[in-house]
Amino acid sequence: MMLTGIVLDSPDAKELAAFYHRLLGWTVTLEEDHWVMLGAPAGGPGLSFQTEKNYVRPVWPPGPGDPQMGMHLDIRVDDLPAAVAHAEKAGATLADFQPQDHVRVCLDPVGHPFCLYVDD
């Protein structure tokens, strides 16, 4: 078995793919009406986005009964403040709850949490 990609649901696959393209700079490798794939420049698993008409925005941090994030992306960076500024310029928001000093939890435009972090 080989993991070939990670798929994020969204109310609009093209809009969410455009955000991650701005954030990561990855290339669109396939675009259909309700499906977009971004390829990692160094190879390996890419990111895909599918339109889900019944999408429910996850809550971070979740409380009892809240929609769970289900998964999140970890993105290593060299400069945490600069990476947060870049993510916000791309369309992310910095989450109110930040559980660690060397990690910043951000939310993509449809609420998926992702972590920007620097190695200790």
C-alpha atoms as a PDB file:
ATOM      1  CA  MET A   1       0.000   0.000   0.000  1.00  0.00           C
ATOM      2  CA  MET A   2       1.105   3.545  -0.714  1.00  0.00           C
ATOM      3  CA  LEU A   3      -0.469   6.773   0.503  1.00  0.00           C
ATOM      4  CA  THR A   4      -0.847   8.924  -2.607  1.00  0.00           C
ATOM      5  CA  GLY A   5      -2.798  11.890  -1.344  1.00  0.00           C
ATOM      6  CA  ILE A   6      -4.777  13.671   1.320  1.00  0.00           C
ATOM      7  CA  VAL A   7      -8.291  14.896   0.505  1.00  0.00           C
ATOM      8  CA  LEU A   8     -10.016  17.820   2.190  1.00  0.00           C
ATOM      9  CA  ASP A   9     -13.748  18.393   1.841  1.00  0.00           C
ATOM     10  CA  SER A  10     -14.986  21.890   1.132  1.00  0.00           C
ATOM     11  CA  PRO A  11     -18.117  23.714   0.036  1.00  0.00           C
ATOM     12  CA  ASP A  12     -16.083  24.694  -3.062  1.00  0.00           C
ATOM     13  CA  ALA A  13     -13.058  22.584  -4.055  1.00  0.00           C
ATOM     14  CA  LYS A  14     -11.652  25.210  -6.412  1.00  0.00           C
ATOM     15  CA  GLU A  15     -11.704  27.974  -3.784  1.00  0.00           C
ATOM     16  CA  LEU A  16     -10.017  25.850  -1.131  1.00  0.00           C
ATOM     17  CA  ALA A  17      -7.430  24.587  -3.628  1.00  0.00           C
ATOM     18  CA  ALA A  18      -6.671  28.202  -4.562  1.00  0.00           C
ATOM     19  CA  PHE A  19      -6.002  28.978  -0.887  1.00  0.00           C
ATOM     20  CA  TYR A  20      -3.573  26.063  -0.495  1.00  0.00           C
ATOM     21  CA  HIS A  21      -1.919  27.009  -3.791  1.00  0.00           C
ATOM     22  CA  ARG A  22      -1.296  30.505  -2.365  1.00  0.00           C
ATOM     23  CA  LEU A  23      -0.148  29.069   0.970  1.00  0.00           C
ATOM     24  CA  LEU A  24       2.163  26.312  -0.272  1.00  0.00           C
ATOM     25  CA  GLY A  25       2.924  27.339  -3.846  1.00  0.00           C
ATOM     26  CA  TRP A  26       2.094  23.832  -5.089  1.00  0.00           C
ATOM     27  CA  THR A  27       1.007  23.277  -8.685  1.00  0.00           C
ATOM     28  CA  VAL A  28      -2.496  22.305  -9.752  1.00  0.00           C
ATOM     29  CA  THR A  29      -2.130  18.900 -11.399  1.00  0.00           C
ATOM     30  CA  LEU A  30      -5.810  18.163 -12.050  1.00  0.00           C
ATOM     31  CA  GLU A  31      -8.903  20.350 -12.001  1.00  0.00           C
ATOM     32  CA  GLU A  32     -12.457  19.151 -12.542  1.00  0.00           C
ATOM     33  CA  ASP A  33     -15.813  20.663 -11.574  1.00  0.00           C
ATOM     34  CA  HIS A  34     -15.792  19.335  -8.005  1.00  0.00           C
ATOM     35  CA  TRP A  35     -12.229  18.034  -7.611  1.00  0.00           C
ATOM     36  CA  VAL A  36      -8.794  19.694  -7.625  1.00  0.00           C
ATOM     37  CA  MET A  37      -5.386  18.136  -7.000  1.00  0.00           C
ATOM     38  CA  LEU A  38      -2.199  19.946  -5.981  1.00  0.00           C
ATOM     39  CA  GLY A  39       1.143  18.208  -6.471  1.00  0.00           C
ATOM     40  CA  ALA A  40       4.003  18.503  -3.995  1.00  0.00           C
ATOM     41  CA  PRO A  41       7.068  19.889  -5.806  1.00  0.00           C
ATOM     42  CA  ALA A  42       9.415  17.274  -4.328  1.00  0.00           C
ATOM     43  CA  GLY A  43       7.005  14.423  -5.080  1.00  0.00           C
ATOM     44  CA  GLY A  44       5.173  12.357  -2.524  1.00  0.00           C
ATOM     45  CA  PRO A  45       1.554  12.682  -1.488  1.00  0.00           C
ATOM     46  CA  GLY A  46      -0.282  15.724  -2.764  1.00  0.00           C
ATOM     47  CA  LEU A  47      -3.373  17.509  -1.535  1.00  0.00           C
ATOM     48  CA  SER A  48      -6.761  17.113  -3.160  1.00  0.00           C
ATOM     49  CA  PHE A  49      -9.984  18.988  -2.579  1.00  0.00           C
ATOM     50  CA  GLN A  50     -13.504  17.822  -3.210  1.00  0.00           C
ATOM     51  CA  THR A  51     -16.716  19.777  -3.129  1.00  0.00           C
ATOM     52  CA  GLU A  52     -19.094  18.480  -0.470  1.00  0.00           C
ATOM     53  CA  LYS A  53     -22.520  20.101  -0.676  1.00  0.00           C
ATOM     54  CA  ASN A  54     -23.288  19.139   2.953  1.00  0.00           C
ATOM     55  CA  TYR A  55     -19.929  20.361   4.313  1.00  0.00           C
ATOM     56  CA  VAL A  56     -19.979  21.326   7.998  1.00  0.00           C
ATOM     57  CA  ARG A  57     -17.180  23.580   9.236  1.00  0.00           C
ATOM     58  CA  PRO A  58     -15.119  21.928  12.013  1.00  0.00           C
ATOM     59  CA  VAL A  59     -14.705  23.687  15.349  1.00  0.00           C
ATOM     60  CA  TRP A  60     -11.304  24.355  16.944  1.00  0.00           C
ATOM     61  CA  PRO A  61     -10.951  23.603  19.729  1.00  0.00           C
ATOM     62  CA  PRO A  62     -13.988  21.338  19.686  1.00  0.00           C
ATOM     63  CA  GLY A  63     -16.364  21.092  22.585  1.00  0.00           C
ATOM     64  CA  PRO A  64     -18.813  18.306  23.326  1.00  0.00           C
ATOM     65  CA  GLY A  65     -21.063  17.774  20.309  1.00  0.00           C
ATOM     66  CA  ASP A  66     -19.068  20.105  18.022  1.00  0.00           C
ATOM     67  CA  PRO A  67     -17.986  19.013  14.531  1.00  0.00           C
ATOM     68  CA  GLN A  68     -14.493  17.547  14.980  1.00  0.00           C
ATOM     69  CA  MET A  69     -11.534  18.505  12.794  1.00  0.00           C
ATOM     70  CA  GLY A  70     -11.014  14.827  11.924  1.00  0.00           C
ATOM     71  CA  MET A  71      -7.447  15.502  10.790  1.00  0.00           C
ATOM     72  CA  HIS A  72      -5.064  18.388  10.353  1.00  0.00           C
ATOM     73  CA  LEU A  73      -1.948  19.247   8.377  1.00  0.00           C
ATOM     74  CA  ASP A  74       1.431  19.899  10.027  1.00  0.00           C
ATOM     75  CA  ILE A  75       3.604  22.325   8.059  1.00  0.00           C
ATOM     76  CA  ARG A  76       7.214  22.839   9.161  1.00  0.00           C
ATOM     77  CA  VAL A  77       8.520  26.373   8.707  1.00  0.00           C
ATOM     78  CA  ASP A  78      11.797  28.167   9.375  1.00  0.00           C
ATOM     79  CA  ASP A  79      10.332  31.421  10.725  1.00  0.00           C
ATOM     80  CA  LEU A  80       7.073  31.079  12.644  1.00  0.00           C
ATOM     81  CA  PRO A  81       5.993  34.757  12.709  1.00  0.00           C
ATOM     82  CA  ALA A  82       6.744  35.141   8.981  1.00  0.00           C
ATOM     83  CA  ALA A  83       4.877  31.916   8.178  1.00  0.00           C
ATOM     84  CA  VAL A  84       1.820  33.054  10.149  1.00  0.00           C
ATOM     85  CA  ALA A  85       1.863  36.395   8.309  1.00  0.00           C
ATOM     86  CA  HIS A  86       2.103  34.565   4.968  1.00  0.00           C
ATOM     87  CA  ALA A  87      -0.763  32.224   5.914  1.00  0.00           C
ATOM     88  CA  GLU A  88      -2.957  35.162   6.952  1.00  0.00           C
ATOM     89  CA  LYS A  89      -2.165  36.981   3.704  1.00  0.00           C
ATOM     90  CA  ALA A  90      -3.163  33.811   1.798  1.00  0.00           C
ATOM     91  CA  GLY A  91      -6.530  33.799   3.604  1.00  0.00           C
ATOM     92  CA  ALA A  92      -6.013  31.839   6.828  1.00  0.00           C
ATOM     93  CA  THR A  93      -6.964  33.016  10.285  1.00  0.00           C
ATOM     94  CA  LEU A  94      -4.938  32.468  13.426  1.00  0.00           C
ATOM     95  CA  ALA A  95      -6.929  30.322  15.863  1.00  0.00           C
ATOM     96  CA  ASP A  96      -7.749  31.846  19.232  1.00  0.00           C
ATOM     97  CA  PHE A  97      -6.604  28.692  21.064  1.00  0.00           C
ATOM     98  CA  GLN A  98      -2.855  28.032  20.791  1.00  0.00           C
ATOM     99  CA  PRO A  99      -1.788  24.946  22.791  1.00  0.00           C
ATOM    100  CA  GLN A 100       2.004  25.117  22.235  1.00  0.00           C
ATOM    101  CA  ASP A 101       4.712  27.789  22.067  1.00  0.00           C
ATOM    102  CA  HIS A 102       6.512  26.511  18.948  1.00  0.00           C
ATOM    103  CA  VAL A 103       3.285  25.824  17.002  1.00  0.00           C
ATOM    104  CA  ARG A 104       0.657  28.158  15.598  1.00  0.00           C
ATOM    105  CA  VAL A 105      -2.736  26.718  14.800  1.00  0.00           C
ATOM    106  CA  CYS A 106      -4.325  28.413  11.811  1.00  0.00           C
ATOM    107  CA  LEU A 107      -7.665  27.818  10.138  1.00  0.00           C
ATOM    108  CA  ASP A 108      -8.064  27.647   6.387  1.00  0.00           C
ATOM    109  CA  PRO A 109     -10.975  29.589   4.830  1.00  0.00           C
ATOM    110  CA  VAL A 110     -13.447  26.734   5.476  1.00  0.00           C
ATOM    111  CA  GLY A 111     -12.240  25.972   9.011  1.00  0.00           C
ATOM    112  CA  HIS A 112      -9.787  23.092   8.615  1.00  0.00           C
ATOM    113  CA  PRO A 113      -7.094  23.574  11.280  1.00  0.00           C
ATOM    114  CA  PHE A 114      -3.470  23.325  10.201  1.00  0.00           C
ATOM    115  CA  CYS A 115      -0.344  23.735  12.282  1.00  0.00           C
ATOM    116  CA  LEU A 116       2.685  25.815  11.393  1.00  0.00           C
ATOM    117  CA  TYR A 117       5.637  24.768  13.517  1.00  0.00           C
ATOM    118  CA  VAL A 118       9.368  25.161  13.952  1.00  0.00           C
ATOM    119  CA  ASP A 119      11.624  22.371  15.191  1.00  0.00           C
ATOM    120  CA  ASP A 120      12.720  22.781  18.792  1.00  0.00           C
END
